[in-house]
Amino acid sequence: MNTPPSGHIKTAIVLATYNELPNLEKLLPQLLRDNPDVQIIVVDDNSPDGTPAMLDVWMKGNDRLVALVRAGKLGYGTAILAGLELALEMGAGQVVTLDADYSHNPADIPELLEGLRGADVAIGSRYAQGVRVLNWQISRLLLSLFANRYLQIILGMPVQDITSGFRAYNRTAVEAVLCNRVRSVGYSFLAEVLYILYLRRLTIVEVPIIYTERREGQSKMGTRVIGEAVFRPWMLRFGAVKFGMKTRKREQEQKQ
């Protein structure tokens, strides 16, 4: 990893990658060109496709790109957390997360940041104003819609696209995430983070985007990830209930 620039930066973009080299070759130049005042943080899990070596090349002479290459495949959630922590260390006031596979359009980043003007979290939402998804098989779309409805019911959050990884957080939201112990490793991480912020009554808005199927590479959705996505929300909900009971009991004791 090269040395992060000193001083404070306004915005950081965090990318969690594994075997995304063909996409990064196009995405990183675009992000650097279209976002001249933004710091880009790539957290790569030692991809065997040559990504770490290329990141070393790209970082030379470009202090707006920082790469954190980890020892191995440690999971999406921990990669995002590592990127958020590094962004705070660098002084970022707001952080954007997006996938490196072009399923999230980098041109939508300004709209997400605009959403932060009146909120703590802005979600790039596929479902805020109807279904806005391109090139998905109907089975996958139905699975995604079901998953979000499943999470809405269990967690009670009035958010249409809980599983979107295209987000912008202000510094308050990032600090709230990092001061809690996030246990999810896979994509249920997205629901857990949002639930933490929701319970702390931070403001969440959804910004409509058009989601497009990935250009290169393969999906990282496996059996373990699916299993975690099914059972983790129940653990979060029961944990929140217990937390609420303890809080009410403490408040009653203070009044006595």
C-alpha atoms as a PDB file:
ATOM      1  CA  MET A   1       0.000   0.000   0.000  1.00  0.00           C
ATOM      2  CA  ASN A   2       1.321   3.431  -0.839  1.00  0.00           C
ATOM      3  CA  THR A   3       1.251   6.208   1.759  1.00  0.00           C
ATOM      4  CA  PRO A   4      -2.111   8.010   1.978  1.00  0.00           C
ATOM      5  CA  PRO A   5      -1.911  11.736   1.285  1.00  0.00           C
ATOM      6  CA  SER A   6      -1.671  13.974   4.321  1.00  0.00           C
ATOM      7  CA  GLY A   7      -4.430  16.367   5.258  1.00  0.00           C
ATOM      8  CA  HIS A   8      -8.166  16.035   4.849  1.00  0.00           C
ATOM      9  CA  ILE A   9     -10.011  14.915   1.742  1.00  0.00           C
ATOM     10  CA  LYS A  10     -13.669  15.562   1.045  1.00  0.00           C
ATOM     11  CA  THR A  11     -14.653  12.301  -0.633  1.00  0.00           C
ATOM     12  CA  ALA A  12     -13.224   8.786  -0.870  1.00  0.00           C
ATOM     13  CA  ILE A  13     -14.414   5.989  -3.151  1.00  0.00           C
ATOM     14  CA  VAL A  14     -13.990   2.445  -1.810  1.00  0.00           C
ATOM     15  CA  LEU A  15     -13.834  -0.599  -4.101  1.00  0.00           C
ATOM     16  CA  ALA A  16     -13.701  -4.159  -2.745  1.00  0.00           C
ATOM     17  CA  THR A  17     -12.201  -6.406  -5.423  1.00  0.00           C
ATOM     18  CA  TYR A  18     -11.422 -10.021  -6.161  1.00  0.00           C
ATOM     19  CA  ASN A  19     -10.499 -11.065  -9.718  1.00  0.00           C
ATOM     20  CA  GLU A  20     -11.742  -7.802 -11.218  1.00  0.00           C
ATOM     21  CA  LEU A  21      -8.677  -6.856 -13.277  1.00  0.00           C
ATOM     22  CA  PRO A  22     -10.432  -6.434 -16.681  1.00  0.00           C
ATOM     23  CA  ASN A  23     -12.979  -4.138 -15.052  1.00  0.00           C
ATOM     24  CA  LEU A  24     -10.426  -2.170 -13.017  1.00  0.00           C
ATOM     25  CA  GLU A  25      -8.391  -1.440 -16.136  1.00  0.00           C
ATOM     26  CA  LYS A  26     -11.345   0.599 -17.400  1.00  0.00           C
ATOM     27  CA  LEU A  27     -12.960   1.740 -14.174  1.00  0.00           C
ATOM     28  CA  LEU A  28     -10.003   3.281 -12.343  1.00  0.00           C
ATOM     29  CA  PRO A  29      -9.007   5.676 -15.171  1.00  0.00           C
ATOM     30  CA  GLN A  30     -12.651   6.715 -15.473  1.00  0.00           C
ATOM     31  CA  LEU A  31     -13.021   7.366 -11.741  1.00  0.00           C
ATOM     32  CA  LEU A  32      -9.772   9.345 -11.617  1.00  0.00           C
ATOM     33  CA  ARG A  33     -10.753  11.389 -14.679  1.00  0.00           C
ATOM     34  CA  ASP A  34     -14.344  12.157 -13.713  1.00  0.00           C
ATOM     35  CA  ASN A  35     -13.717  12.766  -9.994  1.00  0.00           C
ATOM     36  CA  PRO A  36     -10.627  14.996  -9.821  1.00  0.00           C
ATOM     37  CA  ASP A  37     -10.895  15.750  -6.089  1.00  0.00           C
ATOM     38  CA  VAL A  38     -11.677  12.221  -4.920  1.00  0.00           C
ATOM     39  CA  GLN A  39      -9.408   9.662  -3.274  1.00  0.00           C
ATOM     40  CA  ILE A  40      -9.843   6.081  -4.513  1.00  0.00           C
ATOM     41  CA  ILE A  41      -9.239   3.153  -2.159  1.00  0.00           C
ATOM     42  CA  VAL A  42      -9.046  -0.370  -3.595  1.00  0.00           C
ATOM     43  CA  VAL A  43      -9.195  -3.248  -1.109  1.00  0.00           C
ATOM     44  CA  ASP A  44      -8.136  -6.405  -2.930  1.00  0.00           C
ATOM     45  CA  ASP A  45      -8.078  -9.893  -1.443  1.00  0.00           C
ATOM     46  CA  ASN A  46      -4.852 -10.913  -3.175  1.00  0.00           C
ATOM     47  CA  SER A  47      -6.592 -11.714  -6.466  1.00  0.00           C
ATOM     48  CA  PRO A  48      -4.824 -14.442  -8.470  1.00  0.00           C
ATOM     49  CA  ASP A  49      -5.644 -12.620 -11.732  1.00  0.00           C
ATOM     50  CA  GLY A  50      -2.725 -10.195 -11.285  1.00  0.00           C
ATOM     51  CA  THR A  51      -4.639  -7.322  -9.726  1.00  0.00           C
ATOM     52  CA  PRO A  52      -2.125  -6.687  -6.884  1.00  0.00           C
ATOM     53  CA  ALA A  53       0.797  -6.291  -9.296  1.00  0.00           C
ATOM     54  CA  MET A  54      -1.169  -3.949 -11.548  1.00  0.00           C
ATOM     55  CA  LEU A  55      -2.276  -1.859  -8.586  1.00  0.00           C
ATOM     56  CA  ASP A  56       1.397  -1.329  -7.718  1.00  0.00           C
ATOM     57  CA  VAL A  57       1.984  -0.079 -11.257  1.00  0.00           C
ATOM     58  CA  TRP A  58      -1.041   2.211 -11.289  1.00  0.00           C
ATOM     59  CA  MET A  59      -0.215   3.764  -7.909  1.00  0.00           C
ATOM     60  CA  LYS A  60       3.200   4.972  -9.048  1.00  0.00           C
ATOM     61  CA  GLY A  61       2.972   8.694  -9.618  1.00  0.00           C
ATOM     62  CA  ASN A  62      -0.717   8.818  -8.639  1.00  0.00           C
ATOM     63  CA  ASP A  63      -1.291   9.696  -5.004  1.00  0.00           C
ATOM     64  CA  ARG A  64      -5.074   9.700  -5.464  1.00  0.00           C
ATOM     65  CA  LEU A  65      -5.071   5.917  -5.673  1.00  0.00           C
ATOM     66  CA  VAL A  66      -4.430   3.809  -2.578  1.00  0.00           C
ATOM     67  CA  ALA A  67      -4.446   0.001  -2.591  1.00  0.00           C
ATOM     68  CA  LEU A  68      -4.777  -2.285   0.385  1.00  0.00           C
ATOM     69  CA  VAL A  69      -3.910  -5.862  -0.648  1.00  0.00           C
ATOM     70  CA  ARG A  70      -4.879  -8.402   1.985  1.00  0.00           C
ATOM     71  CA  ALA A  71      -3.477 -11.872   2.567  1.00  0.00           C
ATOM     72  CA  GLY A  72      -6.355 -13.754   0.968  1.00  0.00           C
ATOM     73  CA  LYS A  73     -10.082 -13.944   0.345  1.00  0.00           C
ATOM     74  CA  LEU A  74     -11.469 -12.598   3.621  1.00  0.00           C
ATOM     75  CA  GLY A  75     -14.919 -11.551   2.447  1.00  0.00           C
ATOM     76  CA  TYR A  76     -16.783  -8.577   1.029  1.00  0.00           C
ATOM     77  CA  GLY A  77     -17.875  -7.179   4.356  1.00  0.00           C
ATOM     78  CA  THR A  78     -14.443  -7.049   5.952  1.00  0.00           C
ATOM     79  CA  ALA A  79     -13.037  -5.509   2.758  1.00  0.00           C
ATOM     80  CA  ILE A  80     -15.543  -2.667   2.861  1.00  0.00           C
ATOM     81  CA  LEU A  81     -14.891  -2.112   6.565  1.00  0.00           C
ATOM     82  CA  ALA A  82     -11.147  -1.922   5.904  1.00  0.00           C
ATOM     83  CA  GLY A  83     -11.772   0.630   3.171  1.00  0.00           C
ATOM     84  CA  LEU A  84     -14.059   2.722   5.368  1.00  0.00           C
ATOM     85  CA  GLU A  85     -11.522   2.715   8.185  1.00  0.00           C
ATOM     86  CA  LEU A  86      -8.740   3.825   5.859  1.00  0.00           C
ATOM     87  CA  ALA A  87     -10.967   6.563   4.422  1.00  0.00           C
ATOM     88  CA  LEU A  88     -11.550   7.951   7.912  1.00  0.00           C
ATOM     89  CA  GLU A  89      -7.829   7.830   8.668  1.00  0.00           C
ATOM     90  CA  MET A  90      -7.268   9.904   5.554  1.00  0.00           C
ATOM     91  CA  GLY A  91      -9.794  12.449   6.760  1.00  0.00           C
ATOM     92  CA  ALA A  92     -12.631  11.793   4.318  1.00  0.00           C
ATOM     93  CA  GLY A  93     -15.858  13.616   5.065  1.00  0.00           C
ATOM     94  CA  GLN A  94     -17.926  11.296   2.893  1.00  0.00           C
ATOM     95  CA  VAL A  95     -17.366   7.851   1.405  1.00  0.00           C
ATOM     96  CA  VAL A  96     -18.855   6.152  -1.651  1.00  0.00           C
ATOM     97  CA  THR A  97     -18.891   2.373  -2.081  1.00  0.00           C
ATOM     98  CA  LEU A  98     -19.606   0.682  -5.393  1.00  0.00           C
ATOM     99  CA  ASP A  99     -18.917  -2.570  -7.185  1.00  0.00           C
ATOM    100  CA  ALA A 100     -16.009  -2.717  -9.611  1.00  0.00           C
ATOM    101  CA  ASP A 101     -17.908  -4.660 -12.269  1.00  0.00           C
ATOM    102  CA  TYR A 102     -19.814  -1.717 -13.811  1.00  0.00           C
ATOM    103  CA  SER A 103     -23.140  -2.935 -12.482  1.00  0.00           C
ATOM    104  CA  HIS A 104     -23.114   0.453 -10.747  1.00  0.00           C
ATOM    105  CA  ASN A 105     -22.684   3.363 -13.142  1.00  0.00           C
ATOM    106  CA  PRO A 106     -19.849   5.655 -11.957  1.00  0.00           C
ATOM    107  CA  ALA A 107     -21.688   8.560 -13.604  1.00  0.00           C
ATOM    108  CA  ASP A 108     -24.292   8.292 -10.805  1.00  0.00           C
ATOM    109  CA  ILE A 109     -21.792   9.152  -8.066  1.00  0.00           C
ATOM    110  CA  PRO A 110     -22.571  12.916  -8.112  1.00  0.00           C
ATOM    111  CA  GLU A 111     -26.281  12.181  -7.582  1.00  0.00           C
ATOM    112  CA  LEU A 112     -25.475   9.975  -4.595  1.00  0.00           C
ATOM    113  CA  LEU A 113     -23.317  12.687  -3.072  1.00  0.00           C
ATOM    114  CA  GLU A 114     -26.085  15.192  -3.693  1.00  0.00           C
ATOM    115  CA  GLY A 115     -28.360  12.887  -1.690  1.00  0.00           C
ATOM    116  CA  LEU A 116     -26.033  13.294   1.291  1.00  0.00           C
ATOM    117  CA  ARG A 117     -26.906  16.977   1.511  1.00  0.00           C
ATOM    118  CA  GLY A 118     -30.024  16.043   3.439  1.00  0.00           C
ATOM    119  CA  ALA A 119     -29.127  12.615   4.795  1.00  0.00           C
ATOM    120  CA  ASP A 120     -26.463  10.509   6.488  1.00  0.00           C
ATOM    121  CA  VAL A 121     -26.694   7.683   3.940  1.00  0.00           C
ATOM    122  CA  ALA A 122     -27.704   7.762   0.278  1.00  0.00           C
ATOM    123  CA  ILE A 123     -28.482   4.429  -1.387  1.00  0.00           C
ATOM    124  CA  GLY A 124     -28.256   3.907  -5.138  1.00  0.00           C
ATOM    125  CA  SER A 125     -31.607   2.167  -5.374  1.00  0.00           C
ATOM    126  CA  ARG A 126     -32.794  -0.254  -8.062  1.00  0.00           C
ATOM    127  CA  TYR A 127     -36.339  -0.275  -6.702  1.00  0.00           C
ATOM    128  CA  ALA A 128     -37.098   3.219  -5.335  1.00  0.00           C
ATOM    129  CA  GLN A 129     -39.188   4.229  -8.359  1.00  0.00           C
ATOM    130  CA  GLY A 130     -40.192   0.909  -9.837  1.00  0.00           C
ATOM    131  CA  VAL A 131     -37.786  -1.784 -11.042  1.00  0.00           C
ATOM    132  CA  ARG A 132     -34.720  -0.268 -12.732  1.00  0.00           C
ATOM    133  CA  VAL A 133     -32.581  -3.282 -13.705  1.00  0.00           C
ATOM    134  CA  LEU A 134     -31.080  -4.198 -17.092  1.00  0.00           C
ATOM    135  CA  ASN A 135     -29.922  -7.574 -18.471  1.00  0.00           C
ATOM    136  CA  TRP A 136     -30.931  -9.711 -15.494  1.00  0.00           C
ATOM    137  CA  GLN A 137     -32.593 -13.076 -15.837  1.00  0.00           C
ATOM    138  CA  ILE A 138     -36.108 -12.970 -14.435  1.00  0.00           C
ATOM    139  CA  SER A 139     -35.183 -15.593 -11.821  1.00  0.00           C
ATOM    140  CA  ARG A 140     -32.415 -13.414 -10.429  1.00  0.00           C
ATOM    141  CA  LEU A 141     -34.611 -10.326 -10.408  1.00  0.00           C
ATOM    142  CA  LEU A 142     -37.335 -12.172  -8.521  1.00  0.00           C
ATOM    143  CA  LEU A 143     -34.747 -13.464  -6.028  1.00  0.00           C
ATOM    144  CA  SER A 144     -33.480  -9.932  -5.425  1.00  0.00           C
ATOM    145  CA  LEU A 145     -36.987  -8.538  -4.997  1.00  0.00           C
ATOM    146  CA  PHE A 146     -37.855 -11.354  -2.601  1.00  0.00           C
ATOM    147  CA  ALA A 147     -34.641 -10.838  -0.610  1.00  0.00           C
ATOM    148  CA  ASN A 148     -35.344  -7.157  -0.124  1.00  0.00           C
ATOM    149  CA  ARG A 149     -38.937  -7.773   0.882  1.00  0.00           C
ATOM    150  CA  TYR A 150     -37.738 -10.492   3.275  1.00  0.00           C
ATOM    151  CA  LEU A 151     -35.348  -8.020   4.908  1.00  0.00           C
ATOM    152  CA  GLN A 152     -37.983  -5.284   5.075  1.00  0.00           C
ATOM    153  CA  ILE A 153     -40.362  -7.534   6.955  1.00  0.00           C
ATOM    154  CA  ILE A 154     -37.812  -8.910   9.405  1.00  0.00           C
ATOM    155  CA  LEU A 155     -35.887  -5.707  10.107  1.00  0.00           C
ATOM    156  CA  GLY A 156     -38.745  -3.240   9.734  1.00  0.00           C
ATOM    157  CA  MET A 157     -36.757  -0.780   7.641  1.00  0.00           C
ATOM    158  CA  PRO A 158     -38.727   1.368   5.145  1.00  0.00           C
ATOM    159  CA  VAL A 159     -36.055   0.951   2.450  1.00  0.00           C
ATOM    160  CA  GLN A 160     -36.790  -0.536  -0.976  1.00  0.00           C
ATOM    161  CA  ASP A 161     -33.229  -1.645  -1.835  1.00  0.00           C
ATOM    162  CA  ILE A 162     -31.566  -2.822   1.353  1.00  0.00           C
ATOM    163  CA  THR A 163     -29.080  -5.014  -0.529  1.00  0.00           C
ATOM    164  CA  SER A 164     -27.625  -2.321  -2.776  1.00  0.00           C
ATOM    165  CA  GLY A 165     -23.879  -1.896  -2.339  1.00  0.00           C
ATOM    166  CA  PHE A 166     -23.874   1.424  -4.213  1.00  0.00           C
ATOM    167  CA  ARG A 167     -23.954   3.879  -1.320  1.00  0.00           C
ATOM    168  CA  ALA A 168     -22.655   7.165  -0.024  1.00  0.00           C
ATOM    169  CA  TYR A 169     -22.063   7.681   3.699  1.00  0.00           C
ATOM    170  CA  ASN A 170     -21.213  10.859   5.552  1.00  0.00           C
ATOM    171  CA  ARG A 171     -18.523  10.751   8.226  1.00  0.00           C
ATOM    172  CA  THR A 172     -21.053  10.388  11.041  1.00  0.00           C
ATOM    173  CA  ALA A 173     -22.485   7.258   9.421  1.00  0.00           C
ATOM    174  CA  VAL A 174     -19.059   5.721   8.789  1.00  0.00           C
ATOM    175  CA  GLU A 175     -18.037   6.319  12.398  1.00  0.00           C
ATOM    176  CA  ALA A 176     -21.293   4.701  13.585  1.00  0.00           C
ATOM    177  CA  VAL A 177     -20.568   1.614  11.486  1.00  0.00           C
ATOM    178  CA  LEU A 178     -16.975   1.284  12.643  1.00  0.00           C
ATOM    179  CA  CYS A 179     -17.766   1.681  16.335  1.00  0.00           C
ATOM    180  CA  ASN A 180     -20.066  -1.365  16.150  1.00  0.00           C
ATOM    181  CA  ARG A 181     -19.047  -4.970  15.724  1.00  0.00           C
ATOM    182  CA  VAL A 182     -20.324  -5.921  12.278  1.00  0.00           C
ATOM    183  CA  ARG A 183     -20.351  -9.725  12.112  1.00  0.00           C
ATOM    184  CA  SER A 184     -21.540 -10.408   8.566  1.00  0.00           C
ATOM    185  CA  VAL A 185     -18.899 -11.414   6.034  1.00  0.00           C
ATOM    186  CA  GLY A 186     -20.863 -11.754   2.802  1.00  0.00           C
ATOM    187  CA  TYR A 187     -23.558  -9.604   1.269  1.00  0.00           C
ATOM    188  CA  SER A 188     -25.780  -9.697   4.384  1.00  0.00           C
ATOM    189  CA  PHE A 189     -23.160  -7.176   5.528  1.00  0.00           C
ATOM    190  CA  LEU A 190     -25.094  -4.576   3.535  1.00  0.00           C
ATOM    191  CA  ALA A 191     -28.285  -5.219   5.496  1.00  0.00           C
ATOM    192  CA  GLU A 192     -26.451  -5.310   8.829  1.00  0.00           C
ATOM    193  CA  VAL A 193     -24.712  -1.978   8.243  1.00  0.00           C
ATOM    194  CA  LEU A 194     -27.954  -0.319   7.199  1.00  0.00           C
ATOM    195  CA  TYR A 195     -29.769  -1.764  10.204  1.00  0.00           C
ATOM    196  CA  ILE A 196     -27.125  -0.390  12.569  1.00  0.00           C
ATOM    197  CA  LEU A 197     -27.599   3.079  11.100  1.00  0.00           C
ATOM    198  CA  TYR A 198     -31.390   2.746  11.122  1.00  0.00           C
ATOM    199  CA  LEU A 199     -31.425   1.794  14.816  1.00  0.00           C
ATOM    200  CA  ARG A 200     -29.305   4.848  15.553  1.00  0.00           C
ATOM    201  CA  ARG A 201     -31.870   6.969  13.754  1.00  0.00           C
ATOM    202  CA  LEU A 202     -29.531   8.256  11.100  1.00  0.00           C
ATOM    203  CA  THR A 203     -31.252   9.571   7.980  1.00  0.00           C
ATOM    204  CA  ILE A 204     -31.376   7.214   4.983  1.00  0.00           C
ATOM    205  CA  VAL A 205     -32.490   8.251   1.494  1.00  0.00           C
ATOM    206  CA  GLU A 206     -32.751   6.291  -1.748  1.00  0.00           C
ATOM    207  CA  VAL A 207     -31.510   7.734  -5.039  1.00  0.00           C
ATOM    208  CA  PRO A 208     -32.967   5.953  -8.104  1.00  0.00           C
ATOM    209  CA  ILE A 209     -30.325   4.404 -10.377  1.00  0.00           C
ATOM    210  CA  ILE A 210     -30.293   1.973 -13.287  1.00  0.00           C
ATOM    211  CA  TYR A 211     -28.506  -1.258 -12.417  1.00  0.00           C
ATOM    212  CA  THR A 212     -26.821  -3.229 -15.205  1.00  0.00           C
ATOM    213  CA  GLU A 213     -25.573  -6.818 -15.121  1.00  0.00           C
ATOM    214  CA  ARG A 214     -21.812  -7.116 -14.558  1.00  0.00           C
ATOM    215  CA  ARG A 215     -19.539  -6.780 -17.601  1.00  0.00           C
ATOM    216  CA  GLU A 216     -16.708  -9.137 -16.695  1.00  0.00           C
ATOM    217  CA  GLY A 217     -15.912 -11.794 -14.110  1.00  0.00           C
ATOM    218  CA  GLN A 218     -18.111 -14.093 -12.097  1.00  0.00           C
ATOM    219  CA  SER A 219     -20.556 -13.574  -9.271  1.00  0.00           C
ATOM    220  CA  LYS A 220     -19.141 -14.232  -5.787  1.00  0.00           C
ATOM    221  CA  MET A 221     -22.475 -15.495  -4.431  1.00  0.00           C
ATOM    222  CA  GLY A 222     -21.909 -18.908  -2.869  1.00  0.00           C
ATOM    223  CA  THR A 223     -23.784 -21.286  -0.566  1.00  0.00           C
ATOM    224  CA  ARG A 224     -22.260 -19.816   2.580  1.00  0.00           C
ATOM    225  CA  VAL A 225     -23.148 -16.289   1.476  1.00  0.00           C
ATOM    226  CA  ILE A 226     -26.745 -17.296   0.736  1.00  0.00           C
ATOM    227  CA  GLY A 227     -27.052 -19.093   4.068  1.00  0.00           C
ATOM    228  CA  GLU A 228     -25.770 -16.064   5.939  1.00  0.00           C
ATOM    229  CA  ALA A 229     -28.229 -13.845   4.073  1.00  0.00           C
ATOM    230  CA  VAL A 230     -31.132 -16.073   5.137  1.00  0.00           C
ATOM    231  CA  PHE A 231     -30.356 -16.447   8.843  1.00  0.00           C
ATOM    232  CA  ARG A 232     -28.382 -13.330   9.765  1.00  0.00           C
ATOM    233  CA  PRO A 233     -31.385 -10.922   9.613  1.00  0.00           C
ATOM    234  CA  TRP A 234     -33.173 -12.934  12.324  1.00  0.00           C
ATOM    235  CA  MET A 235     -30.099 -12.725  14.529  1.00  0.00           C
ATOM    236  CA  LEU A 236     -29.954  -8.972  13.965  1.00  0.00           C
ATOM    237  CA  ARG A 237     -33.619  -8.538  14.817  1.00  0.00           C
ATOM    238  CA  PHE A 238     -33.499 -10.616  17.998  1.00  0.00           C
ATOM    239  CA  GLY A 239     -30.307  -8.858  19.009  1.00  0.00           C
ATOM    240  CA  ALA A 240     -31.980  -5.485  18.503  1.00  0.00           C
ATOM    241  CA  VAL A 241     -34.965  -6.564  20.629  1.00  0.00           C
ATOM    242  CA  LYS A 242     -32.651  -7.625  23.457  1.00  0.00           C
ATOM    243  CA  PHE A 243     -30.745  -4.366  23.108  1.00  0.00           C
ATOM    244  CA  GLY A 244     -33.997  -2.419  23.310  1.00  0.00           C
ATOM    245  CA  MET A 245     -35.109  -4.315  26.428  1.00  0.00           C
ATOM    246  CA  LYS A 246     -31.795  -3.591  28.156  1.00  0.00           C
ATOM    247  CA  THR A 247     -32.029   0.067  27.213  1.00  0.00           C
ATOM    248  CA  ARG A 248     -35.590   0.430  28.563  1.00  0.00           C
ATOM    249  CA  LYS A 249     -34.617  -1.369  31.776  1.00  0.00           C
ATOM    250  CA  ARG A 250     -31.634   0.944  32.240  1.00  0.00           C
ATOM    251  CA  GLU A 251     -33.844   4.011  31.681  1.00  0.00           C
ATOM    252  CA  GLN A 252     -36.348   2.777  34.263  1.00  0.00           C
ATOM    253  CA  GLU A 253     -33.602   2.182  36.810  1.00  0.00           C
ATOM    254  CA  GLN A 254     -32.276   5.690  36.269  1.00  0.00           C
ATOM    255  CA  LYS A 255     -35.714   7.157  36.953  1.00  0.00           C
ATOM    256  CA  GLN A 256     -36.021   5.314  40.295  1.00  0.00           C
END
